[in-house]
């Protein structure tokens, strides 16, 4: 199921972001490591074990990596499902290719932006 899902996502424009793999290995191995992330496996299992149209709810005790966040946005659009992921910091509601967090998890510290949260300044990438 995961392999078929990945093929559909790649046809839709998904490209694995291997920058999130911190091991010094070749690109093919990095992609394999990304595809074995727990949330991707949970989504594949949820898609085959629940009726179409029902929301998927996933709980993760770590933060969702950037590649998984992008992956889940694509899955929500392709599978036409609401996917709710609870990670270590927040709930993410993925629906029709968008996330409720507005991709704010991907913000990077910067001193040159106008958006201020607490004592840190952020810019979106």
PDB file of N, CA and C in Angstrom:
ATOM      1  N   UNK A   1       0.824  -1.198   0.000  1.00  0.00           N
ATOM      2  CA  UNK A   1       0.000   0.000   0.000  1.00  0.00           C
ATOM      3  C   UNK A   1       0.864   1.256   0.000  1.00  0.00           C
ATOM      4  N   UNK A   2       1.899   1.268   0.834  1.00  0.00           N
ATOM      5  CA  UNK A   2       2.753   2.453   0.917  1.00  0.00           C
ATOM      6  C   UNK A   2       3.439   2.726  -0.423  1.00  0.00           C
ATOM      7  N   UNK A   3       3.887   1.674  -1.098  1.00  0.00           N
ATOM      8  CA  UNK A   3       4.553   1.858  -2.391  1.00  0.00           C
ATOM      9  C   UNK A   3       3.594   2.438  -3.428  1.00  0.00           C
ATOM     10  N   UNK A   4       2.357   1.942  -3.458  1.00  0.00           N
ATOM     11  CA  UNK A   4       1.368   2.474  -4.402  1.00  0.00           C
ATOM     12  C   UNK A   4       1.043   3.923  -4.077  1.00  0.00           C
ATOM     13  N   UNK A   5       0.933   4.232  -2.793  1.00  0.00           N
ATOM     14  CA  UNK A   5       0.659   5.594  -2.365  1.00  0.00           C
ATOM     15  C   UNK A   5       1.788   6.529  -2.767  1.00  0.00           C
ATOM     16  N   UNK A   6       3.021   6.094  -2.587  1.00  0.00           N
ATOM     17  CA  UNK A   6       4.186   6.902  -2.949  1.00  0.00           C
ATOM     18  C   UNK A   6       4.205   7.178  -4.450  1.00  0.00           C
ATOM     19  N   UNK A   7       3.873   6.166  -5.260  1.00  0.00           N
ATOM     20  CA  UNK A   7       3.818   6.361  -6.710  1.00  0.00           C
ATOM     21  C   UNK A   7       2.796   7.435  -7.083  1.00  0.00           C
ATOM     22  N   UNK A   8       1.607   7.375  -6.466  1.00  0.00           N
ATOM     23  CA  UNK A   8       0.575   8.381  -6.740  1.00  0.00           C
ATOM     24  C   UNK A   8       1.032   9.770  -6.320  1.00  0.00           C
ATOM     25  N   UNK A   9       1.682   9.843  -5.161  1.00  0.00           N
ATOM     26  CA  UNK A   9       2.141  11.141  -4.656  1.00  0.00           C
ATOM     27  C   UNK A   9       3.222  11.727  -5.552  1.00  0.00           C
ATOM     28  N   UNK A  10       4.144  10.883  -6.025  1.00  0.00           N
ATOM     29  CA  UNK A  10       5.203  11.369  -6.906  1.00  0.00           C
ATOM     30  C   UNK A  10       4.633  11.854  -8.228  1.00  0.00           C
ATOM     31  N   UNK A  11       3.595  11.188  -8.730  1.00  0.00           N
ATOM     32  CA  UNK A  11       2.929  11.659  -9.947  1.00  0.00           C
ATOM     33  C   UNK A  11       2.260  13.009  -9.713  1.00  0.00           C
ATOM     34  N   UNK A  12       1.822  13.245  -8.483  1.00  0.00           N
ATOM     35  CA  UNK A  12       1.176  14.516  -8.147  1.00  0.00           C
ATOM     36  C   UNK A  12       2.188  15.616  -7.838  1.00  0.00           C
ATOM     37  N   UNK A  13       3.480  15.264  -7.770  1.00  0.00           N
ATOM     38  CA  UNK A  13       4.498  16.283  -7.558  1.00  0.00           C
ATOM     39  C   UNK A  13       5.287  16.175  -6.268  1.00  0.00           C
ATOM     40  N   UNK A  14       4.996  15.173  -5.442  1.00  0.00           N
ATOM     41  CA  UNK A  14       5.731  15.009  -4.188  1.00  0.00           C
ATOM     42  C   UNK A  14       7.161  14.565  -4.467  1.00  0.00           C
ATOM     43  N   UNK A  15       8.115  15.250  -3.847  1.00  0.00           N
ATOM     44  CA  UNK A  15       9.527  14.887  -3.947  1.00  0.00           C
ATOM     45  C   UNK A  15      10.050  14.749  -2.516  1.00  0.00           C
ATOM     46  N   UNK A  16      10.579  13.584  -2.144  1.00  0.00           N
ATOM     47  CA  UNK A  16      11.093  13.410  -0.787  1.00  0.00           C
ATOM     48  C   UNK A  16      12.222  14.396  -0.493  1.00  0.00           C
ATOM     49  N   UNK A  17      12.170  15.017   0.664  1.00  0.00           N
ATOM     50  CA  UNK A  17      13.192  15.978   1.076  1.00  0.00           C
ATOM     51  C   UNK A  17      14.211  15.260   1.946  1.00  0.00           C
ATOM     52  N   UNK A  18      15.292  14.821   1.333  1.00  0.00           N
ATOM     53  CA  UNK A  18      16.294  14.018   2.046  1.00  0.00           C
ATOM     54  C   UNK A  18      17.164  14.860   2.981  1.00  0.00           C
ATOM     55  N   UNK A  19      16.945  16.158   3.041  1.00  0.00           N
ATOM     56  CA  UNK A  19      17.673  16.988   3.997  1.00  0.00           C
ATOM     57  C   UNK A  19      17.309  16.644   5.435  1.00  0.00           C
ATOM     58  N   UNK A  20      16.184  15.955   5.626  1.00  0.00           N
ATOM     59  CA  UNK A  20      15.758  15.578   6.965  1.00  0.00           C
ATOM     60  C   UNK A  20      16.389  14.273   7.440  1.00  0.00           C
ATOM     61  N   UNK A  21      17.164  13.621   6.581  1.00  0.00           N
ATOM     62  CA  UNK A  21      17.915  12.426   6.982  1.00  0.00           C
ATOM     63  C   UNK A  21      19.324  12.883   7.315  1.00  0.00           C
ATOM     64  N   UNK A  22      19.741  12.653   8.535  1.00  0.00           N
ATOM     65  CA  UNK A  22      21.016  13.174   8.998  1.00  0.00           C
ATOM     66  C   UNK A  22      22.172  12.186   8.854  1.00  0.00           C
ATOM     67  N   UNK A  23      21.912  11.027   8.277  1.00  0.00           N
ATOM     68  CA  UNK A  23      22.960  10.035   8.071  1.00  0.00           C
ATOM     69  C   UNK A  23      23.731  10.324   6.790  1.00  0.00           C
ATOM     70  N   UNK A  24      24.992   9.992   6.770  1.00  0.00           N
ATOM     71  CA  UNK A  24      25.834  10.212   5.592  1.00  0.00           C
ATOM     72  C   UNK A  24      25.777   8.978   4.698  1.00  0.00           C
ATOM     73  N   UNK A  25      24.681   8.857   3.947  1.00  0.00           N
ATOM     74  CA  UNK A  25      24.480   7.728   3.029  1.00  0.00           C
ATOM     75  C   UNK A  25      24.000   8.294   1.697  1.00  0.00           C
ATOM     76  N   UNK A  26      23.927   7.439   0.672  1.00  0.00           N
ATOM     77  CA  UNK A  26      23.509   7.941  -0.635  1.00  0.00           C
ATOM     78  C   UNK A  26      22.004   8.272  -0.644  1.00  0.00           C
ATOM     79  N   UNK A  27      21.591   8.994  -1.664  1.00  0.00           N
ATOM     80  CA  UNK A  27      20.230   9.519  -1.745  1.00  0.00           C
ATOM     81  C   UNK A  27      19.166   8.426  -1.726  1.00  0.00           C
ATOM     82  N   UNK A  28      19.442   7.305  -2.385  1.00  0.00           N
ATOM     83  CA  UNK A  28      18.457   6.220  -2.431  1.00  0.00           C
ATOM     84  C   UNK A  28      18.189   5.663  -1.032  1.00  0.00           C
ATOM     85  N   UNK A  29      19.243   5.487  -0.247  1.00  0.00           N
ATOM     86  CA  UNK A  29      19.072   5.017   1.123  1.00  0.00           C
ATOM     87  C   UNK A  29      18.351   6.048   1.979  1.00  0.00           C
ATOM     88  N   UNK A  30      18.646   7.315   1.748  1.00  0.00           N
ATOM     89  CA  UNK A  30      17.956   8.370   2.486  1.00  0.00           C
ATOM     90  C   UNK A  30      16.457   8.332   2.214  1.00  0.00           C
ATOM     91  N   UNK A  31      16.078   8.125   0.948  1.00  0.00           N
ATOM     92  CA  UNK A  31      14.655   8.041   0.619  1.00  0.00           C
ATOM     93  C   UNK A  31      14.018   6.847   1.312  1.00  0.00           C
ATOM     94  N   UNK A  32      14.721   5.727   1.339  1.00  0.00           N
ATOM     95  CA  UNK A  32      14.213   4.546   2.033  1.00  0.00           C
ATOM     96  C   UNK A  32      14.007   4.807   3.518  1.00  0.00           C
ATOM     97  N   UNK A  33      14.922   5.550   4.119  1.00  0.00           N
ATOM     98  CA  UNK A  33      14.786   5.896   5.536  1.00  0.00           C
ATOM     99  C   UNK A  33      13.572   6.800   5.762  1.00  0.00           C
ATOM    100  N   UNK A  34      13.358   7.736   4.850  1.00  0.00           N
ATOM    101  CA  UNK A  34      12.203   8.622   4.981  1.00  0.00           C
ATOM    102  C   UNK A  34      10.900   7.845   4.876  1.00  0.00           C
ATOM    103  N   UNK A  35      10.843   6.872   3.969  1.00  0.00           N
ATOM    104  CA  UNK A  35       9.608   6.121   3.763  1.00  0.00           C
ATOM    105  C   UNK A  35       9.277   5.200   4.923  1.00  0.00           C
ATOM    106  N   UNK A  36      10.221   4.978   5.825  1.00  0.00           N
ATOM    107  CA  UNK A  36       9.940   4.106   6.967  1.00  0.00           C
ATOM    108  C   UNK A  36       9.588   4.890   8.225  1.00  0.00           C
ATOM    109  N   UNK A  37       9.361   6.199   8.108  1.00  0.00           N
ATOM    110  CA  UNK A  37       8.945   6.975   9.274  1.00  0.00           C
ATOM    111  C   UNK A  37       7.582   6.479   9.758  1.00  0.00           C
ATOM    112  N   UNK A  38       7.420   6.469  11.060  1.00  0.00           N
ATOM    113  CA  UNK A  38       6.241   5.847  11.680  1.00  0.00           C
ATOM    114  C   UNK A  38       4.923   6.453  11.210  1.00  0.00           C
ATOM    115  N   UNK A  39       4.869   7.768  11.023  1.00  0.00           N
ATOM    116  CA  UNK A  39       3.603   8.370  10.613  1.00  0.00           C
ATOM    117  C   UNK A  39       3.213   7.968   9.196  1.00  0.00           C
ATOM    118  N   UNK A  40       4.190   7.743   8.336  1.00  0.00           N
ATOM    119  CA  UNK A  40       3.883   7.293   6.975  1.00  0.00           C
ATOM    120  C   UNK A  40       3.343   5.867   6.997  1.00  0.00           C
ATOM    121  N   UNK A  41       3.951   5.019   7.803  1.00  0.00           N
ATOM    122  CA  UNK A  41       3.466   3.641   7.935  1.00  0.00           C
ATOM    123  C   UNK A  41       2.068   3.624   8.549  1.00  0.00           C
ATOM    124  N   UNK A  42       1.828   4.475   9.554  1.00  0.00           N
ATOM    125  CA  UNK A  42       0.518   4.540  10.197  1.00  0.00           C
ATOM    126  C   UNK A  42      -0.557   5.004   9.217  1.00  0.00           C
ATOM    127  N   UNK A  43      -0.215   5.961   8.373  1.00  0.00           N
ATOM    128  CA  UNK A  43      -1.177   6.449   7.384  1.00  0.00           C
ATOM    129  C   UNK A  43      -1.501   5.360   6.371  1.00  0.00           C
ATOM    130  N   UNK A  44      -0.489   4.647   5.892  1.00  0.00           N
ATOM    131  CA  UNK A  44      -0.731   3.557   4.937  1.00  0.00           C
ATOM    132  C   UNK A  44      -1.632   2.495   5.562  1.00  0.00           C
ATOM    133  N   UNK A  45      -1.361   2.142   6.816  1.00  0.00           N
ATOM    134  CA  UNK A  45      -2.201   1.157   7.504  1.00  0.00           C
ATOM    135  C   UNK A  45      -3.619   1.688   7.673  1.00  0.00           C
ATOM    136  N   UNK A  46      -3.742   2.953   8.067  1.00  0.00           N
ATOM    137  CA  UNK A  46      -5.062   3.542   8.247  1.00  0.00           C
ATOM    138  C   UNK A  46      -5.879   3.578   6.971  1.00  0.00           C
ATOM    139  N   UNK A  47      -5.222   3.843   5.847  1.00  0.00           N
ATOM    140  CA  UNK A  47      -5.935   3.894   4.569  1.00  0.00           C
ATOM    141  C   UNK A  47      -6.480   2.535   4.153  1.00  0.00           C
ATOM    142  N   UNK A  48      -5.760   1.463   4.486  1.00  0.00           N
ATOM    143  CA  UNK A  48      -6.248   0.136   4.081  1.00  0.00           C
ATOM    144  C   UNK A  48      -7.188  -0.489   5.116  1.00  0.00           C
ATOM    145  N   UNK A  49      -7.207   0.053   6.326  1.00  0.00           N
ATOM    146  CA  UNK A  49      -8.003  -0.599   7.369  1.00  0.00           C
ATOM    147  C   UNK A  49      -9.232   0.197   7.803  1.00  0.00           C
ATOM    148  N   UNK A  50      -9.481   1.351   7.199  1.00  0.00           N
ATOM    149  CA  UNK A  50     -10.664   2.136   7.537  1.00  0.00           C
ATOM    150  C   UNK A  50     -11.468   2.424   6.271  1.00  0.00           C
ATOM    151  N   UNK A  51     -12.767   2.621   6.421  1.00  0.00           N
ATOM    152  CA  UNK A  51     -13.591   2.928   5.249  1.00  0.00           C
ATOM    153  C   UNK A  51     -13.209   4.275   4.633  1.00  0.00           C
ATOM    154  N   UNK A  52     -13.411   4.393   3.332  1.00  0.00           N
ATOM    155  CA  UNK A  52     -13.126   5.653   2.640  1.00  0.00           C
ATOM    156  C   UNK A  52     -13.933   6.780   3.249  1.00  0.00           C
ATOM    157  N   UNK A  53     -13.294   7.940   3.336  1.00  0.00           N
ATOM    158  CA  UNK A  53     -13.985   9.116   3.847  1.00  0.00           C
ATOM    159  C   UNK A  53     -13.888   9.313   5.346  1.00  0.00           C
ATOM    160  N   UNK A  54     -13.469   8.288   6.083  1.00  0.00           N
ATOM    161  CA  UNK A  54     -13.345   8.466   7.532  1.00  0.00           C
ATOM    162  C   UNK A  54     -12.021   9.139   7.855  1.00  0.00           C
ATOM    163  N   UNK A  55     -12.008   9.985   8.876  1.00  0.00           N
ATOM    164  CA  UNK A  55     -10.750  10.653   9.248  1.00  0.00           C
ATOM    165  C   UNK A  55      -9.747   9.662   9.832  1.00  0.00           C
ATOM    166  N   UNK A  56      -8.472   9.959   9.635  1.00  0.00           N
ATOM    167  CA  UNK A  56      -7.399   9.180  10.260  1.00  0.00           C
ATOM    168  C   UNK A  56      -6.854  10.014  11.417  1.00  0.00           C
ATOM    169  N   UNK A  57      -6.674   9.387  12.563  1.00  0.00           N
ATOM    170  CA  UNK A  57      -6.115  10.070  13.727  1.00  0.00           C
ATOM    171  C   UNK A  57      -4.837   9.362  14.136  1.00  0.00           C
ATOM    172  N   UNK A  58      -3.752  10.112  14.173  1.00  0.00           N
ATOM    173  CA  UNK A  58      -2.434   9.545  14.468  1.00  0.00           C
ATOM    174  C   UNK A  58      -1.816  10.344  15.604  1.00  0.00           C
ATOM    175  N   UNK A  59      -1.242   9.642  16.572  1.00  0.00           N
ATOM    176  CA  UNK A  59      -0.536  10.283  17.672  1.00  0.00           C
ATOM    177  C   UNK A  59       0.924   9.909  17.584  1.00  0.00           C
ATOM    178  N   UNK A  60       1.774  10.893  17.718  1.00  0.00           N
ATOM    179  CA  UNK A  60       3.214  10.687  17.620  1.00  0.00           C
ATOM    180  C   UNK A  60       3.859  11.367  18.819  1.00  0.00           C
ATOM    181  N   UNK A  61       4.830  10.701  19.442  1.00  0.00           N
ATOM    182  CA  UNK A  61       5.453  11.276  20.633  1.00  0.00           C
ATOM    183  C   UNK A  61       6.636  12.181  20.301  1.00  0.00           C
ATOM    184  N   UNK A  62       6.987  12.288  19.040  1.00  0.00           N
ATOM    185  CA  UNK A  62       8.049  13.178  18.581  1.00  0.00           C
ATOM    186  C   UNK A  62       7.455  14.201  17.628  1.00  0.00           C
ATOM    187  N   UNK A  63       8.254  15.174  17.261  1.00  0.00           N
ATOM    188  CA  UNK A  63       7.812  16.148  16.270  1.00  0.00           C
ATOM    189  C   UNK A  63       7.780  15.529  14.879  1.00  0.00           C
ATOM    190  N   UNK A  64       6.850  15.941  14.058  1.00  0.00           N
ATOM    191  CA  UNK A  64       6.760  15.482  12.674  1.00  0.00           C
ATOM    192  C   UNK A  64       7.856  16.188  11.873  1.00  0.00           C
ATOM    193  N   UNK A  65       8.621  15.437  11.089  1.00  0.00           N
ATOM    194  CA  UNK A  65       9.676  16.065  10.281  1.00  0.00           C
ATOM    195  C   UNK A  65       9.045  16.776   9.082  1.00  0.00           C
ATOM    196  N   UNK A  66       9.804  17.635   8.463  1.00  0.00           N
ATOM    197  CA  UNK A  66       9.308  18.424   7.341  1.00  0.00           C
ATOM    198  C   UNK A  66       8.859  17.587   6.165  1.00  0.00           C
ATOM    199  N   UNK A  67       9.594  16.515   5.887  1.00  0.00           N
ATOM    200  CA  UNK A  67       9.212  15.662   4.765  1.00  0.00           C
ATOM    201  C   UNK A  67       7.884  14.964   5.057  1.00  0.00           C
ATOM    202  N   UNK A  68       7.703  14.499   6.287  1.00  0.00           N
ATOM    203  CA  UNK A  68       6.443  13.842   6.641  1.00  0.00           C
ATOM    204  C   UNK A  68       5.282  14.821   6.579  1.00  0.00           C
ATOM    205  N   UNK A  69       5.519  16.051   6.981  1.00  0.00           N
ATOM    206  CA  UNK A  69       4.482  17.085   6.927  1.00  0.00           C
ATOM    207  C   UNK A  69       4.035  17.283   5.477  1.00  0.00           C
ATOM    208  N   UNK A  70       4.982  17.404   4.578  1.00  0.00           N
ATOM    209  CA  UNK A  70       4.663  17.550   3.160  1.00  0.00           C
ATOM    210  C   UNK A  70       3.962  16.310   2.622  1.00  0.00           C
ATOM    211  N   UNK A  71       4.459  15.136   2.985  1.00  0.00           N
ATOM    212  CA  UNK A  71       3.879  13.859   2.580  1.00  0.00           C
ATOM    213  C   UNK A  71       2.405  13.791   2.985  1.00  0.00           C
ATOM    214  N   UNK A  72       2.115  14.148   4.240  1.00  0.00           N
ATOM    215  CA  UNK A  72       0.745  14.051   4.738  1.00  0.00           C
ATOM    216  C   UNK A  72      -0.168  15.055   4.032  1.00  0.00           C
ATOM    217  N   UNK A  73       0.349  16.226   3.700  1.00  0.00           N
ATOM    218  CA  UNK A  73      -0.463  17.186   2.940  1.00  0.00           C
ATOM    219  C   UNK A  73      -0.854  16.587   1.589  1.00  0.00           C
ATOM    220  N   UNK A  74       0.103  15.966   0.911  1.00  0.00           N
ATOM    221  CA  UNK A  74      -0.201  15.332  -0.382  1.00  0.00           C
ATOM    222  C   UNK A  74      -1.205  14.195  -0.205  1.00  0.00           C
ATOM    223  N   UNK A  75      -1.030  13.360   0.818  1.00  0.00           N
ATOM    224  CA  UNK A  75      -1.945  12.233   1.045  1.00  0.00           C
ATOM    225  C   UNK A  75      -3.361  12.745   1.289  1.00  0.00           C
ATOM    226  N   UNK A  76      -3.498  13.801   2.080  1.00  0.00           N
ATOM    227  CA  UNK A  76      -4.842  14.315   2.371  1.00  0.00           C
ATOM    228  C   UNK A  76      -5.544  14.772   1.089  1.00  0.00           C
ATOM    229  N   UNK A  77      -4.779  15.300   0.151  1.00  0.00           N
ATOM    230  CA  UNK A  77      -5.366  15.738  -1.119  1.00  0.00           C
ATOM    231  C   UNK A  77      -5.682  14.555  -2.030  1.00  0.00           C
ATOM    232  N   UNK A  78      -4.754  13.604  -2.131  1.00  0.00           N
ATOM    233  CA  UNK A  78      -4.940  12.460  -3.033  1.00  0.00           C
ATOM    234  C   UNK A  78      -6.030  11.515  -2.517  1.00  0.00           C
ATOM    235  N   UNK A  79      -5.980  11.198  -1.218  1.00  0.00           N
ATOM    236  CA  UNK A  79      -6.921  10.238  -0.640  1.00  0.00           C
ATOM    237  C   UNK A  79      -8.251  10.884  -0.247  1.00  0.00           C
ATOM    238  N   UNK A  80      -8.299  12.221  -0.307  1.00  0.00           N
ATOM    239  CA  UNK A  80      -9.509  12.952   0.078  1.00  0.00           C
ATOM    240  C   UNK A  80      -9.960  12.562   1.488  1.00  0.00           C
ATOM    241  N   UNK A  81      -8.995  12.642   2.414  1.00  0.00           N
ATOM    242  CA  UNK A  81      -9.253  12.293   3.811  1.00  0.00           C
ATOM    243  C   UNK A  81      -8.796  13.412   4.728  1.00  0.00           C
ATOM    244  N   UNK A  82      -9.475  13.550   5.832  1.00  0.00           N
ATOM    245  CA  UNK A  82      -9.004  14.400   6.918  1.00  0.00           C
ATOM    246  C   UNK A  82      -8.016  13.557   7.714  1.00  0.00           C
ATOM    247  N   UNK A  83      -6.818  14.072   7.916  1.00  0.00           N
ATOM    248  CA  UNK A  83      -5.796  13.358   8.692  1.00  0.00           C
ATOM    249  C   UNK A  83      -5.401  14.268   9.841  1.00  0.00           C
ATOM    250  N   UNK A  84      -5.609  13.780  11.049  1.00  0.00           N
ATOM    251  CA  UNK A  84      -5.275  14.547  12.250  1.00  0.00           C
ATOM    252  C   UNK A  84      -4.065  13.896  12.888  1.00  0.00           C
ATOM    253  N   UNK A  85      -2.998  14.670  13.019  1.00  0.00           N
ATOM    254  CA  UNK A  85      -1.757  14.152  13.607  1.00  0.00           C
ATOM    255  C   UNK A  85      -1.451  14.971  14.856  1.00  0.00           C
ATOM    256  N   UNK A  86      -1.277  14.281  15.962  1.00  0.00           N
ATOM    257  CA  UNK A  86      -0.850  14.944  17.192  1.00  0.00           C
ATOM    258  C   UNK A  86       0.625  14.630  17.366  1.00  0.00           C
ATOM    259  N   UNK A  87       1.476  15.663  17.290  1.00  0.00           N
ATOM    260  CA  UNK A  87       2.899  15.437  17.547  1.00  0.00           C
ATOM    261  C   UNK A  87       3.251  16.010  18.909  1.00  0.00           C
ATOM    262  N   UNK A  88       4.520  16.120  19.209  1.00  0.00           N
ATOM    263  CA  UNK A  88       4.962  16.569  20.531  1.00  0.00           C
ATOM    264  C   UNK A  88       4.569  18.003  20.833  1.00  0.00           C
ATOM    265  N   UNK A  89       4.302  18.807  19.811  1.00  0.00           N
ATOM    266  CA  UNK A  89       4.018  20.226  20.017  1.00  0.00           C
ATOM    267  C   UNK A  89       2.576  20.643  19.768  1.00  0.00           C
ATOM    268  N   UNK A  90       1.890  20.017  18.817  1.00  0.00           N
ATOM    269  CA  UNK A  90       0.560  20.518  18.448  1.00  0.00           C
ATOM    270  C   UNK A  90      -0.226  19.471  17.673  1.00  0.00           C
ATOM    271  N   UNK A  91      -1.480  19.808  17.423  1.00  0.00           N
ATOM    272  CA  UNK A  91      -2.324  19.028  16.521  1.00  0.00           C
ATOM    273  C   UNK A  91      -2.169  19.606  15.124  1.00  0.00           C
ATOM    274  N   UNK A  92      -2.075  18.739  14.145  1.00  0.00           N
ATOM    275  CA  UNK A  92      -2.065  19.140  12.736  1.00  0.00           C
ATOM    276  C   UNK A  92      -3.312  18.523  12.098  1.00  0.00           C
ATOM    277  N   UNK A  93      -4.136  19.346  11.491  1.00  0.00           N
ATOM    278  CA  UNK A  93      -5.317  18.875  10.777  1.00  0.00           C
ATOM    279  C   UNK A  93      -5.037  19.056   9.285  1.00  0.00           C
ATOM    280  N   UNK A  94      -4.815  17.955   8.592  1.00  0.00           N
ATOM    281  CA  UNK A  94      -4.516  17.993   7.164  1.00  0.00           C
ATOM    282  C   UNK A  94      -5.800  17.715   6.395  1.00  0.00           C
ATOM    283  N   UNK A  95      -6.131  18.616   5.508  1.00  0.00           N
ATOM    284  CA  UNK A  95      -7.328  18.428   4.699  1.00  0.00           C
ATOM    285  C   UNK A  95      -7.137  19.115   3.357  1.00  0.00           C
ATOM    286  N   UNK A  96      -7.408  18.377   2.279  1.00  0.00           N
ATOM    287  CA  UNK A  96      -7.312  18.888   0.910  1.00  0.00           C
ATOM    288  C   UNK A  96      -5.956  19.520   0.617  1.00  0.00           C
ATOM    289  N   UNK A  97      -4.894  18.929   1.129  1.00  0.00           N
ATOM    290  CA  UNK A  97      -3.546  19.388   0.821  1.00  0.00           C
ATOM    291  C   UNK A  97      -3.046  20.548   1.657  1.00  0.00           C
ATOM    292  N   UNK A  98      -3.759  20.898   2.712  1.00  0.00           N
ATOM    293  CA  UNK A  98      -3.331  22.008   3.575  1.00  0.00           C
ATOM    294  C   UNK A  98      -3.324  21.543   5.026  1.00  0.00           C
ATOM    295  N   UNK A  99      -2.521  22.219   5.836  1.00  0.00           N
ATOM    296  CA  UNK A  99      -2.439  21.900   7.254  1.00  0.00           C
ATOM    297  C   UNK A  99      -2.914  23.082   8.078  1.00  0.00           C
ATOM    298  N   UNK A 100      -3.576  22.780   9.164  1.00  0.00           N
ATOM    299  CA  UNK A 100      -4.116  23.819  10.036  1.00  0.00           C
ATOM    300  C   UNK A 100      -3.034  24.667  10.696  1.00  0.00           C
ATOM    301  N   UNK A 101      -1.813  24.152  10.778  1.00  0.00           N
ATOM    302  CA  UNK A 101      -0.743  24.933  11.402  1.00  0.00           C
ATOM    303  C   UNK A 101      -0.219  26.012  10.465  1.00  0.00           C
ATOM    304  N   UNK A 102      -0.670  25.996   9.227  1.00  0.00           N
ATOM    305  CA  UNK A 102      -0.193  26.990   8.260  1.00  0.00           C
ATOM    306  C   UNK A 102       1.296  26.863   8.004  1.00  0.00           C
ATOM    307  N   UNK A 103       1.820  25.671   8.184  1.00  0.00           N
ATOM    308  CA  UNK A 103       3.251  25.369   8.034  1.00  0.00           C
ATOM    309  C   UNK A 103       4.111  26.190   8.989  1.00  0.00           C
ATOM    310  N   UNK A 104       3.547  26.586  10.120  1.00  0.00           N
ATOM    311  CA  UNK A 104       4.311  27.402  11.065  1.00  0.00           C
ATOM    312  C   UNK A 104       5.430  26.606  11.728  1.00  0.00           C
ATOM    313  N   UNK A 105       5.343  25.282  11.735  1.00  0.00           N
ATOM    314  CA  UNK A 105       6.411  24.456  12.310  1.00  0.00           C
ATOM    315  C   UNK A 105       7.694  24.631  11.510  1.00  0.00           C
ATOM    316  N   UNK A 106       7.588  25.093  10.261  1.00  0.00           N
ATOM    317  CA  UNK A 106       8.752  25.209   9.384  1.00  0.00           C
ATOM    318  C   UNK A 106       9.413  26.579   9.476  1.00  0.00           C
ATOM    319  N   UNK A 107       8.940  27.435  10.363  1.00  0.00           N
ATOM    320  CA  UNK A 107       9.524  28.762  10.476  1.00  0.00           C
ATOM    321  C   UNK A 107      10.936  28.685  11.036  1.00  0.00           C
ATOM    322  N   UNK A 108      11.780  29.551  10.550  1.00  0.00           N
ATOM    323  CA  UNK A 108      13.179  29.563  10.978  1.00  0.00           C
ATOM    324  C   UNK A 108      13.491  30.865  11.698  1.00  0.00           C
ATOM    325  N   UNK A 109      14.335  30.827  12.720  1.00  0.00           N
ATOM    326  CA  UNK A 109      14.695  32.063  13.412  1.00  0.00           C
ATOM    327  C   UNK A 109      15.376  33.056  12.482  1.00  0.00           C
ATOM    328  N   UNK A 110      15.024  34.312  12.618  1.00  0.00           N
ATOM    329  CA  UNK A 110      15.621  35.366  11.816  1.00  0.00           C
ATOM    330  C   UNK A 110      15.412  36.699  12.521  1.00  0.00           C
ATOM    331  N   UNK A 111      16.300  37.603  12.318  1.00  0.00           N
ATOM    332  CA  UNK A 111      16.157  38.935  12.894  1.00  0.00           C
ATOM    333  C   UNK A 111      15.642  39.935  11.869  1.00  0.00           C
ATOM    334  N   UNK A 112      15.338  39.478  10.656  1.00  0.00           N
ATOM    335  CA  UNK A 112      14.997  40.407   9.589  1.00  0.00           C
ATOM    336  C   UNK A 112      13.513  40.442   9.256  1.00  0.00           C
ATOM    337  N   UNK A 113      12.674  39.768  10.011  1.00  0.00           N
ATOM    338  CA  UNK A 113      11.272  39.683   9.647  1.00  0.00           C
ATOM    339  C   UNK A 113      10.411  40.562  10.544  1.00  0.00           C
ATOM    340  N   UNK A 114       9.155  40.687  10.183  1.00  0.00           N
ATOM    341  CA  UNK A 114       8.226  41.492  10.954  1.00  0.00           C
ATOM    342  C   UNK A 114       7.397  40.664  11.921  1.00  0.00           C
ATOM    343  N   UNK A 115       7.348  39.343  11.722  1.00  0.00           N
ATOM    344  CA  UNK A 115       6.540  38.500  12.582  1.00  0.00           C
ATOM    345  C   UNK A 115       7.301  38.177  13.852  1.00  0.00           C
ATOM    346  N   UNK A 116       6.694  38.455  14.983  1.00  0.00           N
ATOM    347  CA  UNK A 116       7.370  38.216  16.249  1.00  0.00           C
ATOM    348  C   UNK A 116       6.522  37.287  17.108  1.00  0.00           C
ATOM    349  N   UNK A 117       7.121  36.221  17.612  1.00  0.00           N
ATOM    350  CA  UNK A 117       6.456  35.302  18.519  1.00  0.00           C
ATOM    351  C   UNK A 117       7.324  35.233  19.761  1.00  0.00           C
ATOM    352  N   UNK A 118       6.805  35.702  20.867  1.00  0.00           N
ATOM    353  CA  UNK A 118       7.603  35.735  22.080  1.00  0.00           C
ATOM    354  C   UNK A 118       8.781  36.669  21.886  1.00  0.00           C
ATOM    355  N   UNK A 119       9.960  36.168  22.163  1.00  0.00           N
ATOM    356  CA  UNK A 119      11.158  36.963  22.008  1.00  0.00           C
ATOM    357  C   UNK A 119      11.946  36.596  20.750  1.00  0.00           C
ATOM    358  N   UNK A 120      11.391  35.696  19.936  1.00  0.00           N
ATOM    359  CA  UNK A 120      12.071  35.272  18.709  1.00  0.00           C
ATOM    360  C   UNK A 120      11.384  35.861  17.498  1.00  0.00           C
ATOM    361  N   UNK A 121      12.138  36.133  16.485  1.00  0.00           N
ATOM    362  CA  UNK A 121      11.598  36.600  15.214  1.00  0.00           C
ATOM    363  C   UNK A 121      11.685  35.462  14.222  1.00  0.00           C
ATOM    364  N   UNK A 122      10.685  35.332  13.366  1.00  0.00           N
ATOM    365  CA  UNK A 122      10.625  34.214  12.435  1.00  0.00           C
ATOM    366  C   UNK A 122      10.359  34.702  11.023  1.00  0.00           C
ATOM    367  N   UNK A 123      10.819  33.897  10.095  1.00  0.00           N
ATOM    368  CA  UNK A 123      10.446  34.105   8.696  1.00  0.00           C
ATOM    369  C   UNK A 123      10.050  32.766   8.127  1.00  0.00           C
ATOM    370  N   UNK A 124       9.112  32.766   7.224  1.00  0.00           N
ATOM    371  CA  UNK A 124       8.715  31.489   6.618  1.00  0.00           C
ATOM    372  C   UNK A 124       9.620  31.211   5.439  1.00  0.00           C
ATOM    373  N   UNK A 125       9.841  29.924   5.193  1.00  0.00           N
ATOM    374  CA  UNK A 125      10.731  29.534   4.096  1.00  0.00           C
ATOM    375  C   UNK A 125       9.968  29.181   2.865  1.00  0.00           C
TER     376      UNK A 125
END
